[in-house]
């Protein structure tokens, strides 16, 4: 029996033996083992491992040093030496038959979603006890651990909110309030946790504290996001002022197999599809036909998206009268992080895996920017699954080439990559991407946070380099599904010439240049976008 603990400091249990951080032969061998475990069984070449562990200060003999560390680790692991598998030129963690605490945590949280409220509480409490510490907490500055640490910090936060709501439904208001306050320490903008605190205090007979909890929520959202509490939170305050029965503030718990709301009303909340070893976060919203799959550009976060009223309003309008499916691409948001990016066709397969999980046989695909390129390739490869194609601010390629003079130069790409940290920190660059909101401090703060939650700067940089290799010039003429190409008339980030080129090369495609200067369709005057999409879908 081999068990691995990643929450807290690393620990490997082999039958009755327990190996802790000091038992792997030194700091660098320990980091090598951790780096392999973080990649969840994916292959890492020796030079990749060396770069992850040493950065630019590489040892003189990289391969020999890595090999000696692996030999040392296997010696220390003893009966668990098979945990490190050798492949040509590198290694991977062999996790078959190994119990890893992050997998146990995920399994408990998934099982809790379909359990009765009492069972849900028990499973969530067990899951959070397992995840009591930060992931690999004794490696706080290791870049190779950042993405997985961020992913599980978010999952732990959502599980804490799930548990708080379960406690509230079970009449344990004191526990619910304590859990909500714990969640708010990590994310003061989490309105869901604010609502539990409000309802919990009121259920305990603490009307004054409940109203103060509402006021704290209102002030925090106003100061940090420039918005006001949502309808459900405002309704809770109104119920308290009327003196309603406290039970009216407690949402009915979802029964076994029911959806557990995480997104807006009508949403399934976050679910996970699988494509091979990859877990892909997705949500659905609304009902009706046809299904509409929305594929954002670059990075995303299916839950943080709803925090911005501008984005949320656009998405709710898309879901009006139809079922909307949204997801985080592999390596971004709440989907699994990656070391080696999948190929572009593999990322398209991820999208179809999400459709399969959402039980969507055929859908309209709505892709923005790089997401448009994904949708275009999906339509070319599997037209039987694509009812229609909507491309907004799409391109055939990012970089300039003969016959494609409006693409970016290599120098512009490098300048943009060099500025990523500033964009992730303070929202720099918004004045070019979405000029309409460049002077809006509330949106800038949210946008920078959305980018940070969507991917780390290092992950985003690698993603952008991969996107720079996209070239659909030969693919576009093979697309046969009905297609609508939308582009803002005066956009400067991805110029309208890109949209014209795409529309001219897809047989029967319709080009609509909508007013505005913004890259993202949810910014500026959105009604022309919605009107064009509605008319296009109605005509299918």
Protein backbone atom coordinates (compact mmCIF):
# COMPACT_ATOMS: atom_id res chain seq x y z
CA UNK A 1 0.00 0.00 0.00
CA UNK A 2 1.46 3.35 -1.10
CA UNK A 3 -0.19 6.65 -0.13
CA UNK A 4 1.01 10.13 -1.09
CA UNK A 5 0.14 13.34 0.71
CA UNK A 6 0.49 16.63 -1.18
CA UNK A 7 -1.67 18.81 1.10
CA UNK A 8 0.73 20.27 3.65
CA UNK A 9 4.31 19.03 3.31
CA UNK A 10 4.95 15.98 1.14
CA UNK A 11 4.58 12.59 2.76
CA UNK A 12 4.86 9.10 1.24
CA UNK A 13 3.54 6.15 3.24
CA UNK A 14 4.78 2.70 2.26
CA UNK A 15 2.97 0.06 4.33
CA UNK A 16 4.03 0.97 7.88
CA UNK A 17 6.83 3.38 6.86
CA UNK A 18 6.27 7.11 6.58
CA UNK A 19 8.69 9.29 4.60
CA UNK A 20 8.52 13.02 5.28
CA UNK A 21 10.25 16.06 3.70
CA UNK A 22 13.64 15.24 5.27
CA UNK A 23 13.67 11.60 4.13
CA UNK A 24 14.27 11.94 0.39
CA UNK A 25 17.98 12.67 0.37
CA UNK A 26 17.94 16.47 0.29
CA UNK A 27 16.00 19.45 -1.00
CA UNK A 28 16.57 18.95 -4.72
CA UNK A 29 15.68 15.23 -4.83
CA UNK A 30 12.55 16.05 -2.83
CA UNK A 31 11.63 18.77 -5.36
CA UNK A 32 12.21 16.35 -8.23
CA UNK A 33 9.76 13.88 -6.68
CA UNK A 34 7.24 16.65 -5.99
CA UNK A 35 7.50 17.97 -9.55
CA UNK A 36 6.73 14.50 -10.93
CA UNK A 37 3.79 14.06 -8.55
CA UNK A 38 2.36 17.47 -9.36
CA UNK A 39 2.20 16.45 -13.02
CA UNK A 40 -0.09 13.55 -12.09
CA UNK A 41 1.61 10.84 -14.14
CA UNK A 42 2.63 12.94 -17.14
CA UNK A 43 6.05 12.43 -18.71
CA UNK A 44 8.77 14.99 -17.96
CA UNK A 45 12.05 15.06 -19.88
CA UNK A 46 15.26 15.39 -17.88
CA UNK A 47 15.92 18.92 -19.14
CA UNK A 48 12.36 19.93 -18.17
CA UNK A 49 12.87 18.60 -14.67
CA UNK A 50 16.18 20.42 -14.39
CA UNK A 51 14.67 23.72 -15.51
CA UNK A 52 11.79 23.34 -13.04
CA UNK A 53 14.12 22.62 -10.12
CA UNK A 54 17.10 24.90 -10.85
CA UNK A 55 15.71 27.53 -13.23
CA UNK A 56 18.55 29.12 -15.16
CA UNK A 57 21.28 28.02 -12.72
CA UNK A 58 21.52 24.51 -14.15
CA UNK A 59 24.12 22.01 -12.94
CA UNK A 60 27.02 21.29 -15.28
CA UNK A 61 25.87 17.76 -16.09
CA UNK A 62 22.09 17.92 -16.15
CA UNK A 63 21.25 14.36 -17.19
CA UNK A 64 23.77 12.73 -14.83
CA UNK A 65 22.57 14.82 -11.89
CA UNK A 66 18.90 14.03 -12.54
CA UNK A 67 19.70 10.33 -12.91
CA UNK A 68 21.61 10.29 -9.62
CA UNK A 69 18.68 11.98 -7.84
CA UNK A 70 16.25 9.42 -9.24
CA UNK A 71 18.51 6.60 -8.09
CA UNK A 72 18.69 8.16 -4.62
CA UNK A 73 14.92 8.60 -4.46
CA UNK A 74 14.25 5.01 -5.47
CA UNK A 75 16.64 3.85 -2.76
CA UNK A 76 14.83 5.95 -0.15
CA UNK A 77 11.39 4.84 -1.37
CA UNK A 78 12.29 1.18 -1.05
CA UNK A 79 9.22 -0.94 -1.83
CA UNK A 80 7.63 2.13 -3.42
CA UNK A 81 10.54 2.71 -5.85
CA UNK A 82 8.16 2.00 -8.73
CA UNK A 83 6.54 5.35 -7.97
CA UNK A 84 9.12 6.82 -10.38
CA UNK A 85 8.83 5.26 -13.83
CA UNK A 86 11.53 5.67 -16.46
CA UNK A 87 10.64 6.59 -20.02
CA UNK A 88 13.06 7.39 -22.79
CA UNK A 89 14.73 10.68 -21.94
CA UNK A 90 12.82 11.30 -18.73
CA UNK A 91 10.47 10.12 -16.02
CA UNK A 92 6.89 10.15 -14.80
CA UNK A 93 5.09 9.36 -11.57
CA UNK A 94 3.51 5.92 -11.74
CA UNK A 95 0.28 6.41 -9.81
CA UNK A 96 -1.51 3.16 -10.63
CA UNK A 97 -2.58 1.67 -7.29
CA UNK A 98 -1.23 4.69 -5.38
CA UNK A 99 -3.61 6.65 -3.11
CA UNK A 100 -3.00 10.37 -3.57
CA UNK A 101 -4.75 12.74 -1.18
CA UNK A 102 -5.80 15.24 -3.86
CA UNK A 103 -7.60 12.41 -5.70
CA UNK A 104 -9.33 11.33 -2.49
CA UNK A 105 -10.37 14.95 -1.90
CA UNK A 106 -11.80 15.23 -5.44
CA UNK A 107 -13.66 11.94 -5.11
CA UNK A 108 -15.28 12.97 -1.82
CA UNK A 109 -16.37 16.34 -3.22
CA UNK A 110 -17.84 14.70 -6.33
CA UNK A 111 -19.70 12.11 -4.24
CA UNK A 112 -21.00 14.84 -1.92
CA UNK A 113 -22.73 16.61 -4.82
CA UNK A 114 -25.09 13.66 -5.33
CA UNK A 115 -25.64 12.70 -1.69
CA UNK A 116 -28.33 13.55 0.84
CA UNK A 117 -27.60 16.69 2.82
CA UNK A 118 -26.45 14.75 5.92
CA UNK A 119 -24.15 12.53 3.86
CA UNK A 120 -22.94 15.59 1.97
CA UNK A 121 -21.88 17.23 5.20
CA UNK A 122 -19.99 14.15 6.31
CA UNK A 123 -18.13 13.75 3.00
CA UNK A 124 -17.26 17.42 2.75
CA UNK A 125 -15.96 17.47 6.32
CA UNK A 126 -13.76 14.47 5.50
CA UNK A 127 -12.55 16.12 2.29
CA UNK A 128 -11.65 19.38 4.02
CA UNK A 129 -9.87 17.52 6.81
CA UNK A 130 -7.68 15.93 4.13
CA UNK A 131 -7.05 19.34 2.54
CA UNK A 132 -6.25 21.09 5.83
CA UNK A 133 -2.94 22.51 4.57
CA UNK A 134 -1.87 24.33 1.43
CA UNK A 135 -0.68 22.05 -1.30
CA UNK A 136 3.09 21.48 -0.85
CA UNK A 137 3.14 24.29 1.68
CA UNK A 138 6.91 24.01 2.26
CA UNK A 139 7.54 24.95 -1.41
CA UNK A 140 5.73 28.33 -1.48
CA UNK A 141 7.85 29.80 -4.31
CA UNK A 142 8.12 26.78 -6.62
CA UNK A 143 6.63 27.86 -9.93
CA UNK A 144 5.92 24.25 -10.92
CA UNK A 145 3.56 23.89 -7.94
CA UNK A 146 1.72 27.21 -8.38
CA UNK A 147 -1.00 26.11 -10.81
CA UNK A 148 -2.00 22.99 -8.91
CA UNK A 149 -1.87 24.93 -5.61
CA UNK A 150 -4.15 27.60 -7.08
CA UNK A 151 -6.54 24.97 -8.44
CA UNK A 152 -6.93 23.23 -5.09
CA UNK A 153 -7.17 26.47 -3.15
CA UNK A 154 -10.21 27.29 -5.29
CA UNK A 155 -11.69 23.80 -4.94
CA UNK A 156 -11.17 23.87 -1.17
CA UNK A 157 -12.88 27.27 -1.00
CA UNK A 158 -15.92 26.03 -2.92
CA UNK A 159 -16.09 22.88 -0.78
CA UNK A 160 -16.06 25.09 2.33
CA UNK A 161 -19.05 27.02 0.98
CA UNK A 162 -20.82 23.75 0.10
CA UNK A 163 -20.27 22.54 3.66
CA UNK A 164 -21.47 25.83 5.17
CA UNK A 165 -24.71 25.62 3.16
CA UNK A 166 -25.17 21.97 4.18
CA UNK A 167 -24.75 22.90 7.86
CA UNK A 168 -27.30 25.67 7.47
CA UNK A 169 -29.77 23.24 5.91
CA UNK A 170 -29.21 20.86 8.85
CA UNK A 171 -30.03 23.61 11.42
CA UNK A 172 -26.41 23.92 12.55
CA UNK A 173 -26.25 27.66 12.01
CA UNK A 174 -23.24 28.18 14.28
CA UNK A 175 -21.09 25.82 12.21
CA UNK A 176 -22.41 27.43 9.02
CA UNK A 177 -21.37 30.91 10.17
CA UNK A 178 -17.90 29.72 11.21
CA UNK A 179 -17.35 28.05 7.84
CA UNK A 180 -18.62 31.09 5.94
CA UNK A 181 -16.23 33.35 7.86
CA UNK A 182 -13.38 30.96 7.08
CA UNK A 183 -14.21 31.19 3.37
CA UNK A 184 -14.37 34.99 3.52
CA UNK A 185 -10.86 35.16 4.96
CA UNK A 186 -9.64 33.62 1.69
CA UNK A 187 -11.99 35.52 -0.63
CA UNK A 188 -13.84 38.55 0.83
CA UNK A 189 -15.73 38.94 -2.48
CA UNK A 190 -17.41 35.53 -2.29
CA UNK A 191 -21.04 36.60 -2.12
CA UNK A 192 -22.18 33.04 -1.59
CA UNK A 193 -20.29 32.92 1.73
CA UNK A 194 -21.68 36.33 2.72
CA UNK A 195 -25.21 34.97 2.24
CA UNK A 196 -24.52 32.00 4.51
CA UNK A 197 -23.17 34.35 7.20
CA UNK A 198 -26.26 36.57 6.91
CA UNK A 199 -28.70 33.64 7.06
CA UNK A 200 -26.72 31.91 9.82
CA UNK A 201 -26.72 34.91 12.16
CA UNK A 202 -30.43 35.48 11.56
CA UNK A 203 -31.19 31.80 12.26
CA UNK A 204 -29.29 32.13 15.55
CA UNK A 205 -31.56 35.03 16.50
CA UNK A 206 -28.83 37.63 15.91
CA UNK A 207 -30.75 40.04 13.71
CA UNK A 208 -28.32 42.92 14.27
CA UNK A 209 -25.30 40.81 13.34
CA UNK A 210 -27.14 39.50 10.27
CA UNK A 211 -27.79 43.05 9.04
CA UNK A 212 -24.17 44.01 9.75
CA UNK A 213 -23.07 40.96 7.74
CA UNK A 214 -25.19 42.24 4.85
CA UNK A 215 -23.68 45.71 5.15
CA UNK A 216 -20.18 44.23 5.14
CA UNK A 217 -21.05 42.39 1.93
CA UNK A 218 -22.49 45.53 0.32
CA UNK A 219 -19.51 47.73 1.19
CA UNK A 220 -16.94 45.12 0.13
CA UNK A 221 -18.56 44.54 -3.27
CA UNK A 222 -18.98 48.26 -3.85
CA UNK A 223 -15.40 49.17 -2.94
CA UNK A 224 -13.69 46.24 -4.67
CA UNK A 225 -15.88 45.59 -7.71
CA UNK A 226 -18.02 48.70 -8.01
CA UNK A 227 -21.19 46.58 -7.91
CA UNK A 228 -23.98 45.80 -5.45
CA UNK A 229 -25.13 42.52 -3.86
CA UNK A 230 -27.08 40.20 -6.12
CA UNK A 231 -30.78 39.57 -6.01
CA UNK A 232 -30.59 36.62 -3.60
CA UNK A 233 -28.46 38.56 -1.10
CA UNK A 234 -30.69 41.62 -1.29
CA UNK A 235 -33.75 39.40 -0.79
CA UNK A 236 -32.18 37.99 2.39
CA UNK A 237 -31.75 41.50 3.80
CA UNK A 238 -35.35 42.37 2.91
CA UNK A 239 -36.59 39.20 4.62
CA UNK A 240 -34.72 40.12 7.81
CA UNK A 241 -36.14 43.65 7.80
CA UNK A 242 -39.65 42.20 7.43
CA UNK A 243 -39.02 39.72 10.25
CA UNK A 244 -39.69 36.67 8.06
CA UNK A 245 -39.21 33.14 9.35
CA UNK A 246 -35.46 32.38 9.24
CA UNK A 247 -36.19 29.21 7.30
CA UNK A 248 -37.11 31.32 4.27
CA UNK A 249 -33.46 32.38 4.01
CA UNK A 250 -32.21 28.81 3.76
CA UNK A 251 -32.18 27.31 0.28
CA UNK A 252 -33.73 23.87 0.05
CA UNK A 253 -30.87 21.35 -0.05
CA UNK A 254 -30.42 19.48 -3.29
CA UNK A 255 -31.36 15.84 -3.02
CA UNK A 256 -29.36 12.85 -4.23
CA UNK A 257 -28.44 13.27 -7.89
CA UNK A 258 -29.69 16.86 -8.02
CA UNK A 259 -27.72 19.82 -9.25
CA UNK A 260 -25.82 21.80 -6.63
CA UNK A 261 -25.90 25.47 -7.67
CA UNK A 262 -22.53 27.18 -7.93
CA UNK A 263 -23.22 29.56 -10.82
CA UNK A 264 -26.28 31.79 -11.33
CA UNK A 265 -29.89 30.58 -10.98
CA UNK A 266 -30.58 27.91 -13.58
CA UNK A 267 -26.96 26.82 -13.77
CA UNK A 268 -25.75 23.31 -13.01
CA UNK A 269 -22.80 24.82 -11.17
CA UNK A 270 -19.33 23.57 -12.03
CA UNK A 271 -19.09 20.00 -13.28
CA UNK A 272 -16.16 18.08 -14.75
CA UNK A 273 -15.87 16.31 -18.08
CA UNK A 274 -12.98 13.94 -18.82
CA UNK A 275 -10.87 13.55 -21.92
CA UNK A 276 -8.26 10.92 -21.20
CA UNK A 277 -6.51 12.02 -18.01
CA UNK A 278 -7.72 15.63 -18.22
CA UNK A 279 -10.55 17.03 -16.08
CA UNK A 280 -12.38 19.89 -17.81
CA UNK A 281 -14.54 22.29 -15.80
CA UNK A 282 -17.85 23.25 -17.37
CA UNK A 283 -21.25 24.71 -16.55
CA UNK A 284 -24.59 24.82 -18.33
CA UNK A 285 -27.18 27.55 -17.99
CA UNK A 286 -30.75 27.78 -19.22
CA UNK A 287 -32.80 25.42 -21.33
CA UNK A 288 -34.14 25.26 -24.84
CA UNK A 289 -32.82 24.44 -28.26
CA UNK A 290 -30.32 24.48 -29.83
CA UNK A 291 -27.46 24.13 -27.39
CA UNK A 292 -24.91 26.96 -27.64
CA UNK A 293 -21.30 26.23 -26.66
CA UNK A 294 -19.43 29.44 -25.78
CA UNK A 295 -15.64 29.16 -26.17
CA UNK A 296 -13.77 32.18 -24.78
CA UNK A 297 -10.42 33.36 -25.98
CA UNK A 298 -7.12 32.87 -24.18
CA UNK A 299 -7.86 32.18 -20.47
CA UNK A 300 -11.10 31.90 -18.51
CA UNK A 301 -12.62 30.90 -15.18
CA UNK A 302 -16.17 29.55 -15.27
CA UNK A 303 -16.98 30.76 -11.75
CA UNK A 304 -15.13 34.08 -11.56
CA UNK A 305 -16.86 35.08 -14.82
CA UNK A 306 -20.14 35.48 -12.95
CA UNK A 307 -18.61 38.01 -10.53
CA UNK A 308 -18.57 40.72 -13.20
CA UNK A 309 -22.06 42.06 -13.96
CA UNK A 310 -21.00 43.04 -17.49
CA UNK A 311 -19.85 39.54 -18.40
CA UNK A 312 -22.63 37.85 -16.43
CA UNK A 313 -25.33 39.91 -18.15
CA UNK A 314 -23.98 39.01 -21.57
CA UNK A 315 -23.90 35.30 -20.73
CA UNK A 316 -27.42 35.30 -19.31
CA UNK A 317 -28.65 36.95 -22.50
CA UNK A 318 -26.93 34.22 -24.56
CA UNK A 319 -28.78 31.61 -22.49
CA UNK A 320 -32.18 33.21 -23.10
CA UNK A 321 -34.35 30.54 -24.75
CA UNK A 322 -31.52 28.07 -25.23
CA UNK A 323 -29.05 26.02 -23.22
CA UNK A 324 -25.63 27.63 -22.86
CA UNK A 325 -22.54 25.48 -22.23
CA UNK A 326 -19.34 27.17 -21.03
CA UNK A 327 -16.02 25.58 -20.06
CA UNK A 328 -12.42 26.28 -19.13
CA UNK A 329 -9.92 25.01 -21.66
CA UNK A 330 -7.27 22.59 -20.43
CA UNK A 331 -4.58 24.47 -18.50
CA UNK A 332 -6.88 27.37 -17.57
CA UNK A 333 -9.41 28.23 -14.89
CA UNK A 334 -10.76 25.26 -12.93
CA UNK A 335 -9.68 22.69 -15.51
CA UNK A 336 -6.56 20.63 -14.97
CA UNK A 337 -3.21 22.44 -15.26
CA UNK A 338 -0.69 21.14 -17.79
CA UNK A 339 3.04 21.04 -18.38
CA UNK A 340 2.94 20.00 -22.02
CA UNK A 341 0.11 21.68 -23.88
CA UNK A 342 -2.07 19.37 -25.94
CA UNK A 343 -2.07 19.84 -29.69
CA UNK A 344 -4.71 22.09 -31.20
CA UNK A 345 -6.76 19.09 -32.45
CA UNK A 346 -6.57 17.59 -28.94
CA UNK A 347 -7.97 20.82 -27.50
CA UNK A 348 -10.84 20.53 -29.97
CA UNK A 349 -11.41 17.00 -28.68
CA UNK A 350 -11.63 18.52 -25.18
CA UNK A 351 -14.55 20.64 -26.37
CA UNK A 352 -16.40 17.60 -27.70
CA UNK A 353 -15.69 15.79 -24.41
CA UNK A 354 -17.46 18.66 -22.62
CA UNK A 355 -20.39 18.37 -25.03
CA UNK A 356 -20.57 14.63 -24.35
CA UNK A 357 -20.57 15.19 -20.58
CA UNK A 358 -23.34 17.78 -20.97
CA UNK A 359 -25.29 15.31 -23.17
CA UNK A 360 -25.15 17.61 -26.20
CA UNK A 361 -25.05 15.70 -29.45
CA UNK A 362 -25.08 18.78 -31.70
CA UNK A 363 -24.67 22.46 -30.91
CA UNK A 364 -23.99 25.93 -32.25
CA UNK A 365 -20.40 26.89 -31.46
CA UNK A 366 -19.67 30.51 -30.49
CA UNK A 367 -15.94 31.17 -30.35
CA UNK A 368 -14.14 34.39 -29.42
CA UNK A 369 -10.60 35.14 -30.62
CA UNK A 370 -8.52 31.97 -30.11
CA UNK A 371 -11.77 30.21 -29.13
CA UNK A 372 -13.02 31.03 -32.64
CA UNK A 373 -10.05 29.17 -34.12
CA UNK A 374 -10.93 26.15 -31.96
CA UNK A 375 -14.55 26.26 -33.11
CA UNK A 376 -13.52 26.59 -36.75
CA UNK A 377 -11.32 23.51 -36.56
CA UNK A 378 -14.10 21.64 -34.73
CA UNK A 379 -16.54 22.46 -37.53
CA UNK A 380 -14.04 21.32 -40.17
CA UNK A 381 -13.28 18.01 -38.42
CA UNK A 382 -16.76 17.09 -37.13
CA UNK A 383 -19.46 18.98 -39.08
CA UNK A 384 -22.05 16.42 -37.97
CA UNK A 385 -21.80 17.79 -34.42
CA UNK A 386 -21.89 21.48 -35.34
CA UNK A 387 -25.29 23.01 -36.12
CA UNK A 388 -23.77 26.43 -36.79
CA UNK A 389 -20.62 28.45 -36.25
CA UNK A 390 -20.37 31.95 -34.75
CA UNK A 391 -16.89 33.50 -34.82
CA UNK A 392 -16.24 36.77 -32.99
CA UNK A 393 -12.91 38.61 -33.43
CA UNK A 394 -11.55 35.42 -34.95
CA UNK A 395 -8.39 34.99 -37.00
CA UNK A 396 -6.82 32.45 -39.32
CA UNK A 397 -3.44 33.03 -37.69
CA UNK A 398 -1.94 35.49 -35.20
CA UNK A 399 1.43 36.16 -36.82
CA UNK A 400 2.05 38.02 -40.05
CA UNK A 401 2.81 35.94 -43.16
CA UNK A 402 2.85 36.36 -46.97
CA UNK A 403 -0.73 37.10 -47.98
CA UNK A 404 -1.61 37.85 -44.35
CA UNK A 405 -0.09 41.29 -43.70
CA UNK A 406 -2.41 42.34 -40.81
CA UNK A 407 -1.07 39.67 -38.44
CA UNK A 408 1.19 40.57 -35.55
CA UNK A 409 4.91 40.82 -36.05
CA UNK A 410 7.13 38.54 -33.97
CA UNK A 411 8.43 41.65 -32.20
CA UNK A 412 4.93 42.70 -31.16
CA UNK A 413 4.25 39.22 -29.80
CA UNK A 414 7.43 39.32 -27.71
CA UNK A 415 6.61 42.80 -26.37
CA UNK A 416 3.18 41.60 -25.33
CA UNK A 417 4.59 38.49 -23.67
CA UNK A 418 7.04 40.68 -21.73
CA UNK A 419 4.14 42.75 -20.37
CA UNK A 420 2.10 39.81 -19.03
CA UNK A 421 2.97 40.28 -15.36
CA UNK A 422 1.77 43.89 -15.50
CA UNK A 423 -1.51 42.82 -17.11
CA UNK A 424 -1.99 40.12 -14.45
CA UNK A 425 -1.20 42.57 -11.65
CA UNK A 426 -3.04 45.77 -12.56
CA UNK A 427 -4.97 44.98 -15.76
CA UNK A 428 -2.48 46.81 -18.01
CA UNK A 429 -3.27 46.61 -21.71
CA UNK A 430 -7.02 46.92 -21.29
CA UNK A 431 -6.87 50.28 -23.06
CA UNK A 432 -5.96 48.41 -26.26
CA UNK A 433 -8.10 45.29 -25.82
CA UNK A 434 -11.30 46.91 -24.52
CA UNK A 435 -10.92 50.71 -24.79
CA UNK A 436 -14.51 51.34 -23.66
CA UNK A 437 -13.68 50.20 -20.12
CA UNK A 438 -10.05 51.31 -19.90
CA UNK A 439 -10.99 54.08 -17.45
CA UNK A 440 -13.34 51.93 -15.35
CA UNK A 441 -11.43 50.98 -12.13
CA UNK A 442 -14.06 48.44 -11.08
CA UNK A 443 -13.75 46.49 -14.34
CA UNK A 444 -9.96 46.76 -14.42
CA UNK A 445 -9.72 45.25 -10.92
CA UNK A 446 -12.06 42.42 -11.85
CA UNK A 447 -10.34 41.79 -15.18
CA UNK A 448 -6.88 41.52 -13.59
CA UNK A 449 -8.26 39.12 -10.96
CA UNK A 450 -10.04 37.11 -13.70
CA UNK A 451 -6.73 36.74 -15.55
CA UNK A 452 -4.94 35.66 -12.38
CA UNK A 453 -7.58 33.03 -11.66
CA UNK A 454 -7.61 31.94 -15.30
CA UNK A 455 -3.90 31.10 -15.44
CA UNK A 456 -0.57 32.08 -13.95
CA UNK A 457 1.58 34.45 -16.06
CA UNK A 458 3.93 31.60 -16.92
CA UNK A 459 1.07 29.36 -18.04
CA UNK A 460 -0.48 32.21 -20.03
CA UNK A 461 2.84 32.95 -21.73
CA UNK A 462 3.19 29.36 -22.86
CA UNK A 463 -0.44 29.29 -24.02
CA UNK A 464 0.08 32.42 -26.11
CA UNK A 465 3.18 30.96 -27.73
CA UNK A 466 1.16 27.92 -28.70
CA UNK A 467 -1.63 30.12 -30.05
CA UNK A 468 0.95 31.92 -32.18
CA UNK A 469 1.44 28.65 -34.05
CA UNK A 470 -2.22 28.47 -35.13
CA UNK A 471 -2.67 28.53 -38.90
CA UNK A 472 -6.13 27.81 -40.30
CA UNK A 473 -5.56 29.19 -43.80
CA UNK A 474 -5.91 25.69 -45.30
CA UNK A 475 -8.70 24.65 -42.93
CA UNK A 476 -11.19 27.49 -43.52
CA UNK A 477 -12.18 26.45 -47.10
CA UNK A 478 -13.10 22.97 -45.83
CA UNK A 479 -15.79 24.28 -43.43
CA UNK A 480 -19.29 23.51 -44.68
CA UNK A 481 -21.56 24.42 -41.75
CA UNK A 482 -23.55 27.69 -41.64
CA UNK A 483 -21.21 30.40 -40.35
CA UNK A 484 -21.59 33.91 -38.95
CA UNK A 485 -18.45 36.03 -38.62
CA UNK A 486 -18.71 39.00 -36.23
CA UNK A 487 -16.10 41.70 -35.76
CA UNK A 488 -16.10 45.12 -34.17
CA UNK A 489 -15.69 47.67 -36.96
CA UNK A 490 -12.90 49.69 -35.33
CA UNK A 491 -11.15 47.10 -33.16
CA UNK A 492 -7.36 47.48 -32.99
CA UNK A 493 -6.37 44.41 -30.96
CA UNK A 494 -7.48 41.89 -33.62
CA UNK A 495 -8.17 44.10 -36.62
CA UNK A 496 -11.30 43.64 -38.78
CA UNK A 497 -9.14 42.42 -41.67
CA UNK A 498 -8.81 39.14 -39.79
CA UNK A 499 -12.59 38.72 -39.77
CA UNK A 500 -12.90 39.62 -43.44
CA UNK A 501 -10.25 37.06 -44.35
CA UNK A 502 -12.02 34.34 -42.34
CA UNK A 503 -15.44 35.14 -43.82
CA UNK A 504 -14.13 35.18 -47.40
CA UNK A 505 -12.63 31.72 -47.08
CA UNK A 506 -15.56 29.88 -45.45
CA UNK A 507 -18.10 28.94 -48.06
CA UNK A 508 -21.37 30.84 -47.53
CA UNK A 509 -20.17 32.64 -44.40
CA UNK A 510 -21.85 35.92 -43.51
CA UNK A 511 -19.71 38.79 -42.24
CA UNK A 512 -21.29 41.34 -39.88
CA UNK A 513 -19.16 44.30 -38.79
CA UNK A 514 -20.81 45.55 -35.59
CA UNK A 515 -20.21 49.02 -34.14
CA UNK A 516 -17.49 49.48 -31.56
CA UNK A 517 -13.80 49.26 -30.71
CA UNK A 518 -13.75 46.48 -28.09
CA UNK A 519 -12.33 42.99 -28.55
CA UNK A 520 -14.59 41.09 -26.16
CA UNK A 521 -18.22 40.77 -27.28
CA UNK A 522 -19.61 41.43 -23.78
CA UNK A 523 -18.09 44.96 -23.70
CA UNK A 524 -19.58 48.08 -25.29
CA UNK A 525 -22.82 47.92 -27.25
CA UNK A 526 -23.72 44.24 -27.00
CA UNK A 527 -27.19 44.40 -28.53
CA UNK A 528 -25.96 44.23 -32.17
CA UNK A 529 -23.99 41.11 -31.25
CA UNK A 530 -26.99 39.44 -29.60
CA UNK A 531 -29.31 40.46 -32.43
CA UNK A 532 -26.98 38.98 -35.07
CA UNK A 533 -26.57 35.75 -33.09
CA UNK A 534 -30.34 35.42 -32.49
CA UNK A 535 -31.14 35.96 -36.18
CA UNK A 536 -28.45 33.51 -37.25
CA UNK A 537 -29.66 30.75 -34.90
CA UNK A 538 -33.32 31.34 -35.80
CA UNK A 539 -32.49 30.79 -39.48
CA UNK A 540 -30.72 27.45 -38.96
